[in-house]
Amino acid sequence: MNYKKVGLKAGIEIHQQLDTKKLFCNCPSLLRQDEPEFTVERKLHVVAGESGEVDVAAEYEARKDREFIYEGYDTICLVELDESPPYEINSEALKIALQIALLLNCEILPITQIMRKTVIDGSNTSGFQRTVLIARNGWVETKNGKVRIENVSLEEDSARIIGKKDNKIIYRLDRLGIPLVEIGTAPDIKSPEQAREVALHIGEILRSCKVRRGIGTIRQDVNMSIKNSERIEIKGVQEPKLIQKTIEIEIERQLKLGKCSKAEVRKANPDGTTTFLRPLPGAARMYPETDLPLLKIPKKLIDEVKKTLPRLKHEIREDLIKEGLTEELARLILQKNKLEEFKELIVVYKKPNLIAKMLVLWRSEIAKHKNKTLGEIEEILNTDLLGDILLNLKEGRIKEQEVKEIMKNIVEGKSLEEAIKKEEMNMEGIEEEIVKLLKEKPGLTENAYMGLLMQKYKGKISGKELMDLIKKYLAS
């Protein structure tokens, strides 16, 4: 499809939970699976925004006249129940959000206002969500040019929906207040492929910082329009690969509607189609937070954050390759979160590919062969033990080709010393086998002897060492 011809304009909003305590209180960001300790029932009412107007989306929700049941635990407080004013903003969450903003090349706002965003679908006990703009005017680079970052905000997550019963909706308060960083791009995205690329790039930046991981910790929305159509916001496009498919299907839907399309919010479905949710909200739902002062972000704090900026995975991967790792092993080290172990072990013995194999290949192979979990194997073959193996290697007590077998022997219950002695005995046995073979099959070529012996000792001795021994005994 010619996306330029259809006039595609798209932007992405990404909401990522941060791995800290809650944003406006000291409660833990802990999701509970046990039975709730109490429930509270509420009804929410629509209010005018800062402009004095009532937001169209809020008015739409108000007409449903629903009741909301909130389930709570001892790990939440009166702030989540909207029975106490909020605390000052979580300083750790602010620093993480500043890291993300700087990695997105944004300008930090030195003074900003915490706002209330009207939300009366029940997902917040107060009827509003606290949010604060902390940075703007950033950008990310793509194959087809820069895509601007319009805003980076810090806000509180909503309560999570548990179920519905008649005209009542049941929410759980454990998620309410978990810090979210919200990133919004400008409508610079001109193709579904570029949208996917932007989402992946921002995702890499987020994962380099202290964010929560797992299902439900990141949510992605797409804003898009085509020529002669209104803007559509698509909620909950979870997978980057689904972003591309959803935009393609939505273009087809809007082309069929033509000028009849309406500005609205739609829900993303797993197959890439979308379903109507509500009218598109506007600026009328925002008004200032009256319980908190202006948020000041001093230059001293920004400079401190700049000194602690994390490096992105692709930068680390490039460095690992420069150190001598193969591309595949560098990828696995990062994918399996073994970078810190790798850094510890490379100090002991500077053979990066050997260390990477010990960490991400051989431990997995041994786990599978011994019918154990990877966690059990990693507990036995921990970093300290692998370091001891490498020290013995450095001191010349063992050879590189023996390392994997030593690891296997340790998992079978032998001590490191016993495993090493076993390998030393094996080397003596190899030399005895060579002498025996030369007597039993005299007159063969060096390569013929090599082929027979490698079938038996492959993995226990290198080809070079074996050939050196064959030549030694043939010459004697």
Protein backbone atom coordinates (compact mmCIF):
# COMPACT_ATOMS: atom_id res chain seq x y z
CA MET A 1 0.00 0.00 0.00
CA ASN A 2 1.13 3.56 -0.72
CA TYR A 3 0.92 5.03 2.80
CA LYS A 4 1.90 8.49 1.59
CA LYS A 5 -1.00 8.47 -0.85
CA VAL A 6 -3.56 7.50 1.82
CA GLY A 7 -2.11 10.21 4.10
CA LEU A 8 -1.19 7.99 7.06
CA LYS A 9 -0.14 9.87 10.17
CA ALA A 10 0.51 7.91 13.35
CA GLY A 11 2.01 8.27 16.79
CA ILE A 12 2.59 5.87 19.67
CA GLU A 13 1.93 6.21 23.39
CA ILE A 14 3.78 3.84 25.68
CA HIS A 15 3.00 3.39 29.38
CA GLN A 16 5.66 1.55 31.39
CA GLN A 17 5.50 0.68 35.10
CA LEU A 18 8.59 1.60 37.11
CA ASP A 19 10.10 -0.73 39.69
CA THR A 20 9.70 1.46 42.79
CA LYS A 21 7.21 2.06 45.57
CA LYS A 22 3.99 3.84 44.58
CA LEU A 23 4.10 7.33 43.13
CA PHE A 24 2.29 9.37 45.79
CA CYS A 25 2.61 7.20 48.92
CA ASN A 26 5.03 4.73 50.50
CA CYS A 27 3.05 1.58 49.75
CA PRO A 28 4.78 -1.29 47.89
CA SER A 29 4.02 -1.88 44.22
CA LEU A 30 2.81 -5.40 45.01
CA LEU A 31 0.08 -7.23 43.10
CA ARG A 32 -1.83 -9.63 45.33
CA GLN A 33 -3.43 -12.95 44.40
CA ASP A 34 -4.96 -13.79 47.80
CA GLU A 35 -8.48 -12.92 48.91
CA PRO A 36 -9.02 -9.18 49.60
CA GLU A 37 -9.25 -8.05 53.21
CA PHE A 38 -11.97 -5.43 52.66
CA THR A 39 -14.16 -3.85 49.99
CA VAL A 40 -15.41 -0.30 49.43
CA GLU A 41 -18.30 0.77 47.19
CA ARG A 42 -18.31 4.09 45.33
CA LYS A 43 -20.07 6.07 42.62
CA LEU A 44 -18.13 8.65 40.61
CA HIS A 45 -19.39 11.97 39.26
CA VAL A 46 -18.14 14.02 36.36
CA VAL A 47 -16.51 17.44 36.97
CA ALA A 48 -15.43 20.25 34.67
CA GLY A 49 -11.80 20.58 33.62
CA GLU A 50 -9.57 23.66 33.86
CA SER A 51 -11.37 25.27 30.91
CA GLY A 52 -14.73 24.99 32.69
CA GLU A 53 -16.01 22.44 30.18
CA VAL A 54 -16.92 18.80 30.80
CA ASP A 55 -14.88 16.32 28.78
CA VAL A 56 -16.91 14.37 26.22
CA ALA A 57 -15.39 11.01 27.20
CA ALA A 58 -16.07 11.63 30.91
CA GLU A 59 -19.66 12.61 30.13
CA TYR A 60 -20.07 9.41 28.12
CA GLU A 61 -18.91 7.31 31.10
CA ALA A 62 -21.13 9.25 33.53
CA ARG A 63 -24.26 8.34 31.56
CA LYS A 64 -23.64 4.66 32.33
CA ASP A 65 -24.43 5.35 36.03
CA ARG A 66 -22.31 2.48 37.29
CA GLU A 67 -21.31 1.47 40.81
CA PHE A 68 -17.76 0.45 41.62
CA ILE A 69 -16.50 -2.06 44.18
CA TYR A 70 -12.87 -1.69 45.28
CA GLU A 71 -10.97 -4.58 46.86
CA GLY A 72 -8.14 -3.73 49.25
CA TYR A 73 -5.33 -5.15 51.40
CA ASP A 74 -2.99 -4.10 54.19
CA THR A 75 -0.45 -3.19 51.49
CA ILE A 76 -2.48 -0.17 50.41
CA CYS A 77 -3.23 3.01 52.38
CA LEU A 78 -5.73 5.87 52.57
CA VAL A 79 -4.18 7.59 49.54
CA GLU A 80 -5.45 4.82 47.24
CA LEU A 81 -8.87 5.09 48.88
CA ASP A 82 -8.86 8.86 48.26
CA GLU A 83 -9.29 9.41 52.00
CA SER A 84 -5.91 11.12 52.47
CA PRO A 85 -3.95 13.75 50.51
CA PRO A 86 -1.11 12.41 48.35
CA TYR A 87 2.50 12.43 49.56
CA GLU A 88 5.17 14.27 47.60
CA ILE A 89 6.19 12.56 44.40
CA ASN A 90 8.42 9.46 44.72
CA SER A 91 12.00 10.71 44.17
CA GLU A 92 13.30 7.36 42.85
CA ALA A 93 10.52 7.17 40.25
CA LEU A 94 11.27 10.76 39.21
CA LYS A 95 14.96 9.94 38.68
CA ILE A 96 14.12 6.89 36.54
CA ALA A 97 11.70 8.96 34.46
CA LEU A 98 14.43 11.59 33.98
CA GLN A 99 16.85 8.87 32.82
CA ILE A 100 14.32 7.71 30.22
CA ALA A 101 13.66 11.30 29.09
CA LEU A 102 17.38 12.00 28.64
CA LEU A 103 17.89 8.76 26.69
CA LEU A 104 15.07 9.97 24.42
CA ASN A 105 16.99 13.24 23.83
CA CYS A 106 14.30 15.30 25.59
CA GLU A 107 14.42 18.73 27.23
CA ILE A 108 13.64 18.54 30.96
CA LEU A 109 11.13 21.04 32.36
CA PRO A 110 12.68 22.84 35.37
CA ILE A 111 9.24 23.66 36.86
CA THR A 112 6.06 21.77 36.11
CA GLN A 113 2.53 21.36 37.45
CA ILE A 114 1.10 18.05 38.63
CA MET A 115 -2.30 17.73 36.99
CA ARG A 116 -5.50 15.77 37.52
CA LYS A 117 -6.89 13.94 34.50
CA THR A 118 -10.62 13.15 34.80
CA VAL A 119 -11.19 9.37 34.71
CA ILE A 120 -14.60 8.14 35.82
CA ASP A 121 -14.66 4.63 34.39
CA GLY A 122 -13.98 3.46 37.94
CA SER A 123 -10.30 2.71 37.48
CA ASN A 124 -9.42 5.39 40.03
CA THR A 125 -11.23 5.93 43.35
CA SER A 126 -10.83 9.71 43.14
CA GLY A 127 -12.32 10.09 39.67
CA PHE A 128 -9.02 11.41 38.34
CA GLN A 129 -5.47 10.29 37.57
CA ARG A 130 -2.47 12.34 38.73
CA THR A 131 0.00 13.04 35.95
CA VAL A 132 2.94 15.40 35.49
CA LEU A 133 4.75 16.40 32.30
CA ILE A 134 8.50 16.27 32.97
CA ALA A 135 10.10 16.51 29.50
CA ARG A 136 9.39 17.24 25.84
CA ASN A 137 10.95 17.91 22.42
CA GLY A 138 12.93 14.69 22.15
CA TRP A 139 13.46 12.28 19.26
CA VAL A 140 14.38 8.74 18.23
CA GLU A 141 16.17 7.81 15.03
CA THR A 142 14.63 5.33 12.55
CA LYS A 143 15.61 4.01 9.13
CA ASN A 144 13.25 6.61 7.62
CA GLY A 145 14.32 9.59 9.70
CA LYS A 146 13.66 11.02 13.14
CA VAL A 147 10.39 10.59 15.01
CA ARG A 148 9.85 13.33 17.57
CA ILE A 149 9.02 12.61 21.20
CA GLU A 150 6.37 15.15 22.18
CA ASN A 151 6.16 14.36 25.88
CA VAL A 152 7.45 12.22 28.71
CA SER A 153 5.16 12.20 31.74
CA LEU A 154 5.09 10.50 35.10
CA GLU A 155 1.71 9.30 36.31
CA GLU A 156 -0.02 6.83 38.61
CA ASP A 157 -1.33 3.55 37.25
CA SER A 158 -5.02 2.69 37.55
CA ALA A 159 -6.74 0.04 39.63
CA ARG A 160 -7.03 -3.29 37.83
CA ILE A 161 -10.39 -4.68 36.82
CA ILE A 162 -11.32 -8.03 38.41
CA GLY A 163 -14.85 -8.60 37.14
CA LYS A 164 -18.31 -7.25 36.33
CA LYS A 165 -21.66 -7.98 37.91
CA ASP A 166 -24.83 -6.37 36.54
CA ASN A 167 -24.16 -2.62 36.64
CA LYS A 168 -21.25 -2.99 39.05
CA ILE A 169 -17.54 -3.26 38.22
CA ILE A 170 -15.04 -4.79 40.64
CA TYR A 171 -11.56 -3.26 40.83
CA ARG A 172 -8.52 -4.19 42.92
CA LEU A 173 -6.53 -1.35 44.49
CA ASP A 174 -3.11 -3.07 44.57
CA ARG A 175 -2.10 -1.66 41.15
CA LEU A 176 -3.49 1.82 41.78
CA GLY A 177 -0.65 4.30 42.25
CA ILE A 178 2.20 2.23 40.76
CA PRO A 179 4.43 4.74 38.91
CA LEU A 180 4.04 4.84 35.15
CA VAL A 181 6.20 6.70 32.69
CA GLU A 182 4.16 7.77 29.66
CA ILE A 183 5.95 8.47 26.38
CA GLY A 184 4.11 10.09 23.49
CA THR A 185 5.54 10.51 20.00
CA ALA A 186 4.52 13.16 17.50
CA PRO A 187 2.39 11.99 14.52
CA ASP A 188 5.60 11.56 12.48
CA ILE A 189 5.20 7.84 11.81
CA LYS A 190 4.45 7.28 8.12
CA SER A 191 4.18 3.49 7.84
CA PRO A 192 3.23 0.47 9.97
CA GLU A 193 6.82 -0.81 9.72
CA GLN A 194 8.17 2.46 11.11
CA ALA A 195 5.68 2.28 14.00
CA ARG A 196 7.03 -1.14 14.95
CA GLU A 197 10.62 0.12 14.73
CA VAL A 198 9.86 3.07 17.02
CA ALA A 199 8.14 0.82 19.59
CA LEU A 200 11.14 -1.55 19.64
CA HIS A 201 13.61 1.31 20.03
CA ILE A 202 11.70 2.90 22.91
CA GLY A 203 11.29 -0.56 24.47
CA GLU A 204 15.08 -1.03 24.46
CA ILE A 205 15.52 2.31 26.26
CA LEU A 206 12.90 1.40 28.87
CA ARG A 207 14.44 -2.02 29.58
CA SER A 208 17.83 -0.41 30.19
CA CYS A 209 16.30 1.45 33.18
CA LYS A 210 14.73 0.21 36.42
CA VAL A 211 11.31 -0.81 35.13
CA ARG A 212 8.98 -3.64 36.07
CA ARG A 213 8.97 -6.66 33.75
CA GLY A 214 6.28 -9.15 32.83
CA ILE A 215 2.72 -9.27 31.51
CA GLY A 216 0.77 -6.07 32.10
CA THR A 217 3.75 -3.91 33.05
CA ILE A 218 3.84 -2.13 29.68
CA ARG A 219 0.91 -0.90 27.60
CA GLN A 220 1.06 0.58 24.10
CA ASP A 221 -1.53 2.72 22.34
CA VAL A 222 -1.58 3.95 18.74
CA ASN A 223 -2.99 7.28 17.54
CA MET A 224 -3.56 7.41 13.80
CA SER A 225 -5.50 8.95 10.96
CA ILE A 226 -5.59 8.93 7.17
CA LYS A 227 -6.61 11.58 4.65
CA ASN A 228 -10.23 12.83 5.15
CA SER A 229 -10.64 10.79 8.38
CA GLU A 230 -10.70 11.67 12.08
CA ARG A 231 -8.02 10.65 14.58
CA ILE A 232 -8.48 7.25 16.21
CA GLU A 233 -6.82 6.15 19.44
CA ILE A 234 -6.29 2.38 19.65
CA LYS A 235 -5.80 1.12 23.21
CA GLY A 236 -3.75 -1.90 24.27
CA VAL A 237 -1.67 -2.87 21.24
CA GLN A 238 0.60 -5.07 23.34
CA GLU A 239 3.11 -6.62 20.94
CA PRO A 240 5.36 -4.57 18.60
CA LYS A 241 4.60 -7.01 15.75
CA LEU A 242 0.86 -6.47 16.39
CA ILE A 243 1.28 -2.69 16.07
CA GLN A 244 2.10 -3.12 12.40
CA LYS A 245 -0.84 -5.43 11.71
CA THR A 246 -3.33 -3.30 13.69
CA ILE A 247 -2.43 -0.14 11.77
CA GLU A 248 -2.79 -1.96 8.44
CA ILE A 249 -6.25 -3.27 9.37
CA GLU A 250 -7.35 0.11 10.76
CA ILE A 251 -6.34 1.84 7.51
CA GLU A 252 -8.62 -0.56 5.61
CA ARG A 253 -11.48 0.12 8.05
CA GLN A 254 -11.13 3.88 7.72
CA LEU A 255 -10.89 3.70 3.92
CA LYS A 256 -14.23 1.86 3.85
CA LEU A 257 -15.84 4.45 6.13
CA GLY A 258 -14.45 7.42 4.24
CA LYS A 259 -15.62 10.79 5.61
CA CYS A 260 -18.09 9.02 7.92
CA SER A 261 -15.33 8.12 10.42
CA LYS A 262 -15.55 9.60 13.92
CA ALA A 263 -12.86 10.57 16.44
CA GLU A 264 -13.03 7.78 18.99
CA VAL A 265 -11.13 5.40 21.24
CA ARG A 266 -11.02 1.78 20.14
CA LYS A 267 -9.74 -1.38 21.82
CA ALA A 268 -7.12 -3.53 20.08
CA ASN A 269 -8.11 -7.16 19.60
CA PRO A 270 -5.61 -10.06 19.44
CA ASP A 271 -6.23 -10.53 15.69
CA GLY A 272 -5.38 -6.90 14.84
CA THR A 273 -8.98 -5.68 14.53
CA THR A 274 -10.42 -3.03 16.87
CA THR A 275 -13.65 -2.45 18.83
CA PHE A 276 -15.30 0.85 19.83
CA LEU A 277 -14.76 1.90 23.46
CA ARG A 278 -15.75 5.58 23.86
CA PRO A 279 -15.51 9.03 22.25
CA LEU A 280 -12.02 10.53 22.01
CA PRO A 281 -11.22 12.65 25.11
CA GLY A 282 -9.86 16.16 24.84
CA ALA A 283 -8.09 18.82 26.93
CA ALA A 284 -11.23 19.57 28.95
CA ARG A 285 -10.51 16.68 31.32
CA MET A 286 -7.30 18.25 32.76
CA TYR A 287 -7.09 20.51 35.81
CA PRO A 288 -4.32 21.29 38.36
CA GLU A 289 -3.64 19.12 41.40
CA THR A 290 -4.45 21.31 44.41
CA ASP A 291 -2.96 19.06 47.12
CA LEU A 292 0.64 19.22 45.83
CA PRO A 293 3.05 22.09 45.11
CA LEU A 294 4.70 22.79 41.77
CA LEU A 295 7.29 20.15 40.94
CA LYS A 296 10.76 21.67 40.63
CA ILE A 297 13.49 19.74 38.83
CA PRO A 298 16.79 21.49 39.60
CA LYS A 299 19.79 21.39 37.26
CA LYS A 300 21.79 19.68 40.03
CA LEU A 301 19.36 16.70 39.91
CA ILE A 302 19.50 16.55 36.10
CA ASP A 303 23.33 16.55 36.18
CA GLU A 304 23.29 13.77 38.79
CA VAL A 305 20.96 11.67 36.61
CA LYS A 306 23.16 12.26 33.53
CA LYS A 307 26.10 10.69 35.37
CA THR A 308 24.14 7.49 36.01
CA LEU A 309 22.56 7.00 32.57
CA PRO A 310 22.43 3.28 31.68
CA ARG A 311 23.83 2.03 28.41
CA LEU A 312 21.52 0.53 25.80
CA LYS A 313 21.69 -3.16 24.94
CA HIS A 314 22.84 -2.64 21.37
CA GLU A 315 25.76 -0.53 22.64
CA ILE A 316 26.73 -3.20 25.19
CA ARG A 317 26.40 -5.92 22.52
CA GLU A 318 28.77 -4.01 20.24
CA ASP A 319 31.31 -3.74 23.06
CA LEU A 320 31.05 -7.47 23.80
CA ILE A 321 31.72 -8.27 20.15
CA LYS A 322 34.76 -5.95 20.23
CA GLU A 323 36.01 -7.91 23.26
CA GLY A 324 35.97 -11.05 21.12
CA LEU A 325 32.51 -12.57 21.64
CA THR A 326 30.65 -13.93 18.63
CA GLU A 327 27.46 -12.06 17.74
CA GLU A 328 25.30 -15.01 18.82
CA LEU A 329 26.98 -15.39 22.21
CA ALA A 330 26.82 -11.63 22.82
CA ARG A 331 23.09 -11.73 22.08
CA LEU A 332 22.56 -14.68 24.44
CA ILE A 333 24.52 -13.05 27.28
CA LEU A 334 22.19 -10.04 27.15
CA GLN A 335 19.02 -12.01 26.43
CA LYS A 336 19.59 -14.29 29.44
CA ASN A 337 20.72 -11.42 31.72
CA LYS A 338 24.18 -12.86 32.31
CA LEU A 339 26.15 -9.66 31.75
CA GLU A 340 27.13 -9.15 35.40
CA GLU A 341 28.31 -12.78 35.75
CA PHE A 342 30.24 -12.40 32.49
CA LYS A 343 31.95 -9.24 33.79
CA GLU A 344 32.97 -11.02 37.00
CA LEU A 345 34.42 -14.04 35.21
CA ILE A 346 36.25 -12.20 32.43
CA VAL A 347 38.44 -10.63 35.13
CA VAL A 348 39.54 -14.15 36.19
CA TYR A 349 40.29 -15.55 32.72
CA LYS A 350 40.21 -13.48 29.56
CA LYS A 351 38.59 -15.93 27.17
CA PRO A 352 35.16 -14.34 26.47
CA ASN A 353 33.72 -17.07 24.24
CA LEU A 354 34.63 -19.83 26.70
CA ILE A 355 33.04 -17.91 29.59
CA ALA A 356 29.91 -17.19 27.53
CA LYS A 357 29.55 -20.89 26.67
CA MET A 358 29.87 -21.82 30.35
CA LEU A 359 27.14 -19.33 31.28
CA VAL A 360 24.54 -19.61 28.52
CA LEU A 361 25.17 -22.88 26.65
CA TRP A 362 26.75 -25.55 28.84
CA ARG A 363 24.67 -24.92 31.95
CA SER A 364 21.52 -25.26 29.80
CA GLU A 365 22.80 -28.42 28.08
CA ILE A 366 23.73 -30.02 31.41
CA ALA A 367 20.32 -29.14 32.87
CA LYS A 368 18.60 -30.85 29.95
CA HIS A 369 20.91 -33.89 30.03
CA LYS A 370 20.58 -34.37 33.81
CA ASN A 371 16.81 -33.71 33.78
CA LYS A 372 17.14 -30.76 36.17
CA THR A 373 15.83 -27.21 36.00
CA LEU A 374 18.18 -24.47 34.84
CA GLY A 375 17.76 -22.83 38.23
CA GLU A 376 19.02 -25.98 40.00
CA ILE A 377 22.04 -26.16 37.72
CA GLU A 378 22.84 -22.46 38.14
CA GLU A 379 22.70 -22.91 41.91
CA ILE A 380 25.30 -25.72 41.72
CA LEU A 381 27.40 -24.13 38.96
CA ASN A 382 27.24 -20.65 40.46
CA THR A 383 29.53 -17.76 39.57
CA ASP A 384 31.97 -18.51 42.40
CA LEU A 385 32.38 -22.13 41.30
CA LEU A 386 32.82 -21.17 37.65
CA GLY A 387 35.43 -18.66 38.80
CA ASP A 388 37.30 -21.46 40.64
CA ILE A 389 37.24 -23.60 37.48
CA LEU A 390 38.69 -20.70 35.50
CA LEU A 391 41.42 -20.15 38.12
CA ASN A 392 42.49 -23.78 37.71
CA LEU A 393 42.49 -23.25 33.97
CA LYS A 394 44.62 -20.12 34.32
CA GLU A 395 47.10 -21.99 36.56
CA GLY A 396 47.43 -24.78 33.99
CA ARG A 397 45.90 -27.59 36.06
CA ILE A 398 43.23 -28.21 33.43
CA LYS A 399 42.71 -27.47 29.74
CA GLU A 400 39.88 -25.56 28.07
CA GLN A 401 38.48 -28.67 26.39
CA GLU A 402 38.05 -30.28 29.82
CA VAL A 403 35.90 -27.52 31.33
CA LYS A 404 32.51 -28.79 30.17
CA GLU A 405 33.22 -32.32 31.43
CA ILE A 406 34.34 -30.93 34.80
CA MET A 407 31.07 -28.99 35.06
CA LYS A 408 29.14 -32.22 34.36
CA ASN A 409 31.09 -34.12 37.00
CA ILE A 410 30.39 -31.45 39.63
CA VAL A 411 26.66 -31.64 38.90
CA GLU A 412 26.89 -35.41 39.40
CA GLY A 413 28.08 -34.75 42.96
CA LYS A 414 31.86 -34.58 42.73
CA SER A 415 33.85 -31.78 44.33
CA LEU A 416 35.90 -29.52 42.10
CA GLU A 417 39.12 -31.26 43.21
CA GLU A 418 37.67 -34.71 42.46
CA ALA A 419 36.46 -33.55 39.05
CA ILE A 420 39.87 -32.12 38.19
CA LYS A 421 41.70 -35.29 39.32
CA LYS A 422 39.36 -37.38 37.19
CA GLU A 423 40.31 -35.31 34.16
CA GLU A 424 44.02 -35.65 34.98
CA MET A 425 43.57 -39.46 35.09
CA ASN A 426 41.78 -39.32 31.77
CA MET A 427 44.78 -37.61 30.15
CA GLU A 428 47.05 -40.44 31.33
CA GLY A 429 44.55 -42.91 29.94
CA ILE A 430 44.56 -41.17 26.56
CA GLU A 431 48.34 -41.54 26.26
CA GLU A 432 48.09 -45.22 27.19
CA GLU A 433 45.41 -45.68 24.53
CA ILE A 434 47.62 -44.07 21.88
CA VAL A 435 50.52 -46.43 22.67
CA LYS A 436 48.17 -49.42 22.60
CA LEU A 437 46.65 -48.36 19.24
CA LEU A 438 50.06 -47.90 17.61
CA LYS A 439 51.02 -51.45 18.61
CA GLU A 440 47.71 -53.00 17.50
CA LYS A 441 47.54 -51.17 14.15
CA PRO A 442 51.07 -50.45 13.00
CA GLY A 443 51.77 -48.64 9.74
CA LEU A 444 48.74 -46.31 9.58
CA THR A 445 49.08 -42.64 8.68
CA GLU A 446 48.98 -39.92 11.35
CA ASN A 447 45.53 -38.81 10.11
CA ALA A 448 44.21 -42.38 10.29
CA TYR A 449 45.29 -42.68 13.93
CA MET A 450 43.83 -39.23 14.54
CA GLY A 451 40.44 -40.23 13.13
CA LEU A 452 40.22 -43.36 15.29
CA LEU A 453 41.20 -41.53 18.48
CA MET A 454 38.99 -38.47 17.90
CA GLN A 455 35.92 -40.69 17.75
CA LYS A 456 36.68 -41.78 21.30
CA TYR A 457 38.10 -38.61 22.86
CA LYS A 458 36.31 -35.82 21.07
CA GLY A 459 35.62 -33.01 23.55
CA LYS A 460 38.19 -34.26 26.08
CA ILE A 461 41.28 -33.22 24.14
CA SER A 462 41.88 -30.82 21.27
CA GLY A 463 42.81 -32.08 17.84
CA LYS A 464 46.17 -30.29 18.03
CA GLU A 465 47.08 -31.89 21.36
CA LEU A 466 46.04 -35.32 20.12
CA MET A 467 48.11 -34.98 16.93
CA ASP A 468 51.13 -33.82 18.98
CA LEU A 469 50.85 -36.96 21.13
CA ILE A 470 50.50 -39.24 18.04
CA LYS A 471 53.64 -37.69 16.50
CA LYS A 472 55.47 -37.99 19.81
CA TYR A 473 54.82 -41.74 20.15
CA LEU A 474 55.32 -42.48 16.45
CA ALA A 475 58.76 -40.87 16.69
CA SER A 476 59.71 -42.78 19.86
